[in-house]
PDB file of N, CA and C in Angstrom:
ATOM      1  N   MET A   1    -177.388 172.019  94.215  1.00  0.00           N
ATOM      2  CA  MET A   1    -176.332 171.052  94.303  1.00  0.00           C
ATOM      3  C   MET A   1    -176.788 169.678  93.844  1.00  0.00           C
ATOM      4  N   LEU A   2    -178.024 169.328  94.159  1.00  0.00           N
ATOM      5  CA  LEU A   2    -178.537 168.041  93.713  1.00  0.00           C
ATOM      6  C   LEU A   2    -178.652 168.025  92.196  1.00  0.00           C
ATOM      7  N   LYS A   3    -179.045 169.152  91.611  1.00  0.00           N
ATOM      8  CA  LYS A   3    -179.161 169.223  90.156  1.00  0.00           C
ATOM      9  C   LYS A   3    -177.798 169.029  89.498  1.00  0.00           C
ATOM     10  N   LYS A   4    -176.764 169.612  90.088  1.00  0.00           N
ATOM     11  CA  LYS A   4    -175.406 169.452  89.557  1.00  0.00           C
ATOM     12  C   LYS A   4    -174.973 167.996  89.649  1.00  0.00           C
ATOM     13  N   ALA A   5    -175.271 167.348  90.763  1.00  0.00           N
ATOM     14  CA  ALA A   5    -174.910 165.943  90.939  1.00  0.00           C
ATOM     15  C   ALA A   5    -175.666 165.062  89.952  1.00  0.00           C
ATOM     16  N   LEU A   6    -176.940 165.363  89.733  1.00  0.00           N
ATOM     17  CA  LEU A   6    -177.723 164.590  88.758  1.00  0.00           C
ATOM     18  C   LEU A   6    -177.169 164.761  87.352  1.00  0.00           C
ATOM     19  N   ASN A   7    -176.815 165.985  86.992  1.00  0.00           N
ATOM     20  CA  ASN A   7    -176.246 166.221  85.665  1.00  0.00           C
ATOM     21  C   ASN A   7    -174.936 165.474  85.485  1.00  0.00           C
ATOM     22  N   GLN A   8    -174.076 165.506  86.498  1.00  0.00           N
ATOM     23  CA  GLN A   8    -172.819 164.770  86.423  1.00  0.00           C
ATOM     24  C   GLN A   8    -173.088 163.269  86.303  1.00  0.00           C
ATOM     25  N   GLY A   9    -174.043 162.779  87.058  1.00  0.00           N
ATOM     26  CA  GLY A   9    -174.394 161.357  87.013  1.00  0.00           C
ATOM     27  C   GLY A   9    -174.924 160.940  85.663  1.00  0.00           C
ATOM     28  N   LEU A  10    -175.750 161.781  85.048  1.00  0.00           N
ATOM     29  CA  LEU A  10    -176.281 161.456  83.729  1.00  0.00           C
ATOM     30  C   LEU A  10    -175.191 161.447  82.669  1.00  0.00           C
ATOM     31  N   ILE A  11    -174.241 162.359  82.777  1.00  0.00           N
ATOM     32  CA  ILE A  11    -173.124 162.381  81.827  1.00  0.00           C
ATOM     33  C   ILE A  11    -172.302 161.100  81.952  1.00  0.00           C
ATOM     34  N   VAL A  12    -171.977 160.718  83.182  1.00  0.00           N
ATOM     35  CA  VAL A  12    -171.196 159.500  83.400  1.00  0.00           C
ATOM     36  C   VAL A  12    -171.985 158.270  82.957  1.00  0.00           C
ATOM     37  N   LEU A  13    -173.276 158.232  83.245  1.00  0.00           N
ATOM     38  CA  LEU A  13    -174.102 157.101  82.834  1.00  0.00           C
ATOM     39  C   LEU A  13    -174.175 157.014  81.313  1.00  0.00           C
ATOM     40  N   GLY A  14    -174.238 158.152  80.641  1.00  0.00           N
ATOM     41  CA  GLY A  14    -174.226 158.161  79.178  1.00  0.00           C
ATOM     42  C   GLY A  14    -172.931 157.591  78.628  1.00  0.00           C
ATOM     43  N   ILE A  15    -171.817 157.962  79.234  1.00  0.00           N
ATOM     44  CA  ILE A  15    -170.516 157.427  78.803  1.00  0.00           C
ATOM     45  C   ILE A  15    -170.472 155.916  79.034  1.00  0.00           C
ATOM     46  N   VAL A  16    -170.992 155.467  80.168  1.00  0.00           N
ATOM     47  CA  VAL A  16    -171.019 154.031  80.463  1.00  0.00           C
ATOM     48  C   VAL A  16    -171.873 153.296  79.437  1.00  0.00           C
ATOM     49  N   PHE A  17    -173.027 153.852  79.070  1.00  0.00           N
ATOM     50  CA  PHE A  17    -173.886 153.206  78.076  1.00  0.00           C
ATOM     51  C   PHE A  17    -173.223 153.160  76.705  1.00  0.00           C
ATOM     52  N   ILE A  18    -172.527 154.231  76.320  1.00  0.00           N
ATOM     53  CA  ILE A  18    -171.821 154.225  75.037  1.00  0.00           C
ATOM     54  C   ILE A  18    -170.751 153.138  75.031  1.00  0.00           C
ATOM     55  N   LEU A  19    -169.978 153.061  76.115  1.00  0.00           N
ATOM     56  CA  LEU A  19    -168.969 152.000  76.221  1.00  0.00           C
ATOM     57  C   LEU A  19    -169.618 150.610  76.205  1.00  0.00           C
ATOM     58  N   ALA A  20    -170.753 150.461  76.867  1.00  0.00           N
ATOM     59  CA  ALA A  20    -171.446 149.173  76.890  1.00  0.00           C
ATOM     60  C   ALA A  20    -171.916 148.785  75.486  1.00  0.00           C
ATOM     61  N   MET A  21    -172.407 149.751  74.715  1.00  0.00           N
ATOM     62  CA  MET A  21    -172.835 149.448  73.348  1.00  0.00           C
ATOM     63  C   MET A  21    -171.656 149.029  72.483  1.00  0.00           C
ATOM     64  N   ILE A  22    -170.519 149.698  72.652  1.00  0.00           N
ATOM     65  CA  ILE A  22    -169.321 149.331  71.886  1.00  0.00           C
ATOM     66  C   ILE A  22    -168.856 147.934  72.269  1.00  0.00           C
ATOM     67  N   ILE A  23    -168.788 147.661  73.573  1.00  0.00           N
ATOM     68  CA  ILE A  23    -168.362 146.342  74.039  1.00  0.00           C
ATOM     69  C   ILE A  23    -169.348 145.273  73.582  1.00  0.00           C
ATOM     70  N   ASN A  24    -170.634 145.575  73.621  1.00  0.00           N
ATOM     71  CA  ASN A  24    -171.666 144.610  73.229  1.00  0.00           C
ATOM     72  C   ASN A  24    -171.570 144.279  71.743  1.00  0.00           C
ATOM     73  N   SER A  25    -171.167 145.243  70.912  1.00  0.00           N
ATOM     74  CA  SER A  25    -171.057 144.964  69.476  1.00  0.00           C
ATOM     75  C   SER A  25    -169.792 144.178  69.148  1.00  0.00           C
ATOM     76  N   ILE A  26    -168.767 144.277  70.006  1.00  0.00           N
ATOM     77  CA  ILE A  26    -167.504 143.583  69.749  1.00  0.00           C
ATOM     78  C   ILE A  26    -167.515 142.171  70.335  1.00  0.00           C
ATOM     79  N   THR A  27    -168.019 142.022  71.542  1.00  0.00           N
ATOM     80  CA  THR A  27    -167.994 140.739  72.241  1.00  0.00           C
ATOM     81  C   THR A  27    -169.412 140.248  72.493  1.00  0.00           C
ATOM     82  N   PRO A  28    -169.574 138.962  72.724  1.00  0.00           N
ATOM     83  CA  PRO A  28    -170.918 138.421  72.993  1.00  0.00           C
ATOM     84  C   PRO A  28    -171.377 138.573  74.442  1.00  0.00           C
ATOM     85  N   ILE A  29    -170.759 139.495  75.193  1.00  0.00           N
ATOM     86  CA  ILE A  29    -171.157 139.698  76.593  1.00  0.00           C
ATOM     87  C   ILE A  29    -172.524 140.391  76.619  1.00  0.00           C
ATOM     88  N   GLU A  30    -173.391 139.939  77.495  1.00  0.00           N
ATOM     89  CA  GLU A  30    -174.728 140.543  77.622  1.00  0.00           C
ATOM     90  C   GLU A  30    -174.636 141.786  78.498  1.00  0.00           C
ATOM     91  N   MET A  31    -174.504 142.946  77.872  1.00  0.00           N
ATOM     92  CA  MET A  31    -174.360 144.197  78.612  1.00  0.00           C
ATOM     93  C   MET A  31    -175.714 144.829  78.954  1.00  0.00           C
ATOM     94  N   PHE A  32    -176.804 144.302  78.372  1.00  0.00           N
ATOM     95  CA  PHE A  32    -178.110 144.911  78.597  1.00  0.00           C
ATOM     96  C   PHE A  32    -179.116 143.912  79.156  1.00  0.00           C
ATOM     97  N   SER A  33    -178.626 142.924  79.878  1.00  0.00           N
ATOM     98  CA  SER A  33    -179.521 141.973  80.531  1.00  0.00           C
ATOM     99  C   SER A  33    -180.171 142.649  81.742  1.00  0.00           C
ATOM    100  N   VAL A  34    -181.091 141.949  82.373  1.00  0.00           N
ATOM    101  CA  VAL A  34    -181.802 142.518  83.528  1.00  0.00           C
ATOM    102  C   VAL A  34    -180.830 142.801  84.670  1.00  0.00           C
ATOM    103  N   SER A  35    -179.911 141.882  84.922  1.00  0.00           N
ATOM    104  CA  SER A  35    -178.967 142.107  86.020  1.00  0.00           C
ATOM    105  C   SER A  35    -178.030 143.272  85.709  1.00  0.00           C
ATOM    106  N   ALA A  36    -177.675 143.445  84.442  1.00  0.00           N
ATOM    107  CA  ALA A  36    -176.830 144.578  84.060  1.00  0.00           C
ATOM    108  C   ALA A  36    -177.587 145.890  84.238  1.00  0.00           C
ATOM    109  N   GLN A  37    -178.874 145.905  83.907  1.00  0.00           N
ATOM    110  CA  GLN A  37    -179.677 147.119  84.080  1.00  0.00           C
ATOM    111  C   GLN A  37    -179.778 147.492  85.553  1.00  0.00           C
ATOM    112  N   ILE A  38    -179.912 146.499  86.410  1.00  0.00           N
ATOM    113  CA  ILE A  38    -179.948 146.760  87.856  1.00  0.00           C
ATOM    114  C   ILE A  38    -178.611 147.334  88.310  1.00  0.00           C
ATOM    115  N   SER A  39    -177.528 146.792  87.762  1.00  0.00           N
ATOM    116  CA  SER A  39    -176.195 147.306  88.115  1.00  0.00           C
ATOM    117  C   SER A  39    -176.027 148.747  87.668  1.00  0.00           C
ATOM    118  N   TYR A  40    -176.503 149.087  86.461  1.00  0.00           N
ATOM    119  CA  TYR A  40    -176.422 150.465  85.968  1.00  0.00           C
ATOM    120  C   TYR A  40    -177.211 151.417  86.870  1.00  0.00           C
ATOM    121  N   ALA A  41    -178.417 151.004  87.260  1.00  0.00           N
ATOM    122  CA  ALA A  41    -179.246 151.851  88.122  1.00  0.00           C
ATOM    123  C   ALA A  41    -178.588 152.038  89.488  1.00  0.00           C
ATOM    124  N   THR A  42    -178.032 150.965  90.042  1.00  0.00           N
ATOM    125  CA  THR A  42    -177.350 151.054  91.334  1.00  0.00           C
ATOM    126  C   THR A  42    -176.134 151.962  91.237  1.00  0.00           C
ATOM    127  N   PHE A  43    -175.355 151.805  90.166  1.00  0.00           N
ATOM    128  CA  PHE A  43    -174.191 152.650  89.958  1.00  0.00           C
ATOM    129  C   PHE A  43    -174.604 154.120  89.878  1.00  0.00           C
ATOM    130  N   PHE A  44    -175.686 154.416  89.155  1.00  0.00           N
ATOM    131  CA  PHE A  44    -176.160 155.790  89.002  1.00  0.00           C
ATOM    132  C   PHE A  44    -176.546 156.382  90.352  1.00  0.00           C
ATOM    133  N   ILE A  45    -177.296 155.634  91.141  1.00  0.00           N
ATOM    134  CA  ILE A  45    -177.753 156.134  92.438  1.00  0.00           C
ATOM    135  C   ILE A  45    -176.569 156.382  93.373  1.00  0.00           C
ATOM    136  N   VAL A  46    -175.627 155.440  93.413  1.00  0.00           N
ATOM    137  CA  VAL A  46    -174.461 155.599  94.284  1.00  0.00           C
ATOM    138  C   VAL A  46    -173.602 156.772  93.818  1.00  0.00           C
ATOM    139  N   TYR A  47    -173.399 156.880  92.501  1.00  0.00           N
ATOM    140  CA  TYR A  47    -172.570 157.964  91.958  1.00  0.00           C
ATOM    141  C   TYR A  47    -173.181 159.329  92.261  1.00  0.00           C
ATOM    142  N   VAL A  48    -174.484 159.470  92.048  1.00  0.00           N
ATOM    143  CA  VAL A  48    -175.151 160.744  92.326  1.00  0.00           C
ATOM    144  C   VAL A  48    -175.076 161.072  93.810  1.00  0.00           C
ATOM    145  N   GLY A  49    -175.261 160.063  94.665  1.00  0.00           N
ATOM    146  CA  GLY A  49    -175.156 160.291  96.105  1.00  0.00           C
ATOM    147  C   GLY A  49    -173.774 160.762  96.519  1.00  0.00           C
ATOM    148  N   LEU A  50    -172.751 160.108  95.966  1.00  0.00           N
ATOM    149  CA  LEU A  50    -171.384 160.509  96.298  1.00  0.00           C
ATOM    150  C   LEU A  50    -171.057 161.908  95.783  1.00  0.00           C
ATOM    151  N   MET A  51    -171.486 162.226  94.586  1.00  0.00           N
ATOM    152  CA  MET A  51    -171.227 163.563  94.029  1.00  0.00           C
ATOM    153  C   MET A  51    -171.977 164.632  94.823  1.00  0.00           C
ATOM    154  N   TYR A  52    -173.181 164.300  95.271  1.00  0.00           N
ATOM    155  CA  TYR A  52    -173.959 165.246  96.070  1.00  0.00           C
ATOM    156  C   TYR A  52    -173.247 165.525  97.394  1.00  0.00           C
ATOM    157  N   MET A  53    -172.763 164.463  98.046  1.00  0.00           N
ATOM    158  CA  MET A  53    -172.045 164.660  99.306  1.00  0.00           C
ATOM    159  C   MET A  53    -170.752 165.437  99.078  1.00  0.00           C
ATOM    160  N   LYS A  54    -170.065 165.163  97.977  1.00  0.00           N
ATOM    161  CA  LYS A  54    -168.838 165.888  97.661  1.00  0.00           C
ATOM    162  C   LYS A  54    -169.135 167.365  97.433  1.00  0.00           C
ATOM    163  N   ASN A  55    -170.224 167.661  96.727  1.00  0.00           N
ATOM    164  CA  ASN A  55    -170.588 169.064  96.465  1.00  0.00           C
ATOM    165  C   ASN A  55    -170.975 169.798  97.750  1.00  0.00           C
ATOM    166  N   ILE A  56    -171.650 169.104  98.670  1.00  0.00           N
ATOM    167  CA  ILE A  56    -172.015 169.718  99.949  1.00  0.00           C
ATOM    168  C   ILE A  56    -170.760 170.048 100.757  1.00  0.00           C
ATOM    169  N   LYS A  57    -169.822 169.094 100.815  1.00  0.00           N
ATOM    170  CA  LYS A  57    -168.577 169.341 101.562  1.00  0.00           C
ATOM    171  C   LYS A  57    -167.781 170.477 100.933  1.00  0.00           C
ATOM    172  N   LYS A  58    -167.795 170.529  99.618  1.00  0.00           N
ATOM    173  CA  LYS A  58    -167.038 171.569  98.900  1.00  0.00           C
ATOM    174  C   LYS A  58    -167.634 172.958  99.165  1.00  0.00           C
ATOM    175  N   SER A  59    -168.962 173.026  99.238  1.00  0.00           N
ATOM    176  CA  SER A  59    -169.609 174.320  99.444  1.00  0.00           C
ATOM    177  C   SER A  59    -169.456 174.820 100.889  1.00  0.00           C
ATOM    178  N   LYS A  60    -169.320 173.912 101.860  1.00  0.00           N
ATOM    179  CA  LYS A  60    -169.167 174.305 103.258  1.00  0.00           C
ATOM    180  C   LYS A  60    -167.791 174.856 103.551  1.00  0.00           C
ATOM    181  N   SER A  61    -166.790 174.394 102.799  1.00  0.00           N
ATOM    182  CA  SER A  61    -165.421 174.861 103.086  1.00  0.00           C
ATOM    183  C   SER A  61    -165.033 176.062 102.256  1.00  0.00           C
TER     184      SER A  61
END
């Protein structure tokens, strides 16, 4: 279940990075600054945790 959550998290993080690259090329917003990287890592950890808990609840019922 953790592997499934990690895979889902990596897919979503990849989509977020692709969108960030597109936005970064169009606008002068700093999408890859240090604070943005911390936000991406935090988002990944929270997303994987939530998906893991969702998968556990789904498997119990």
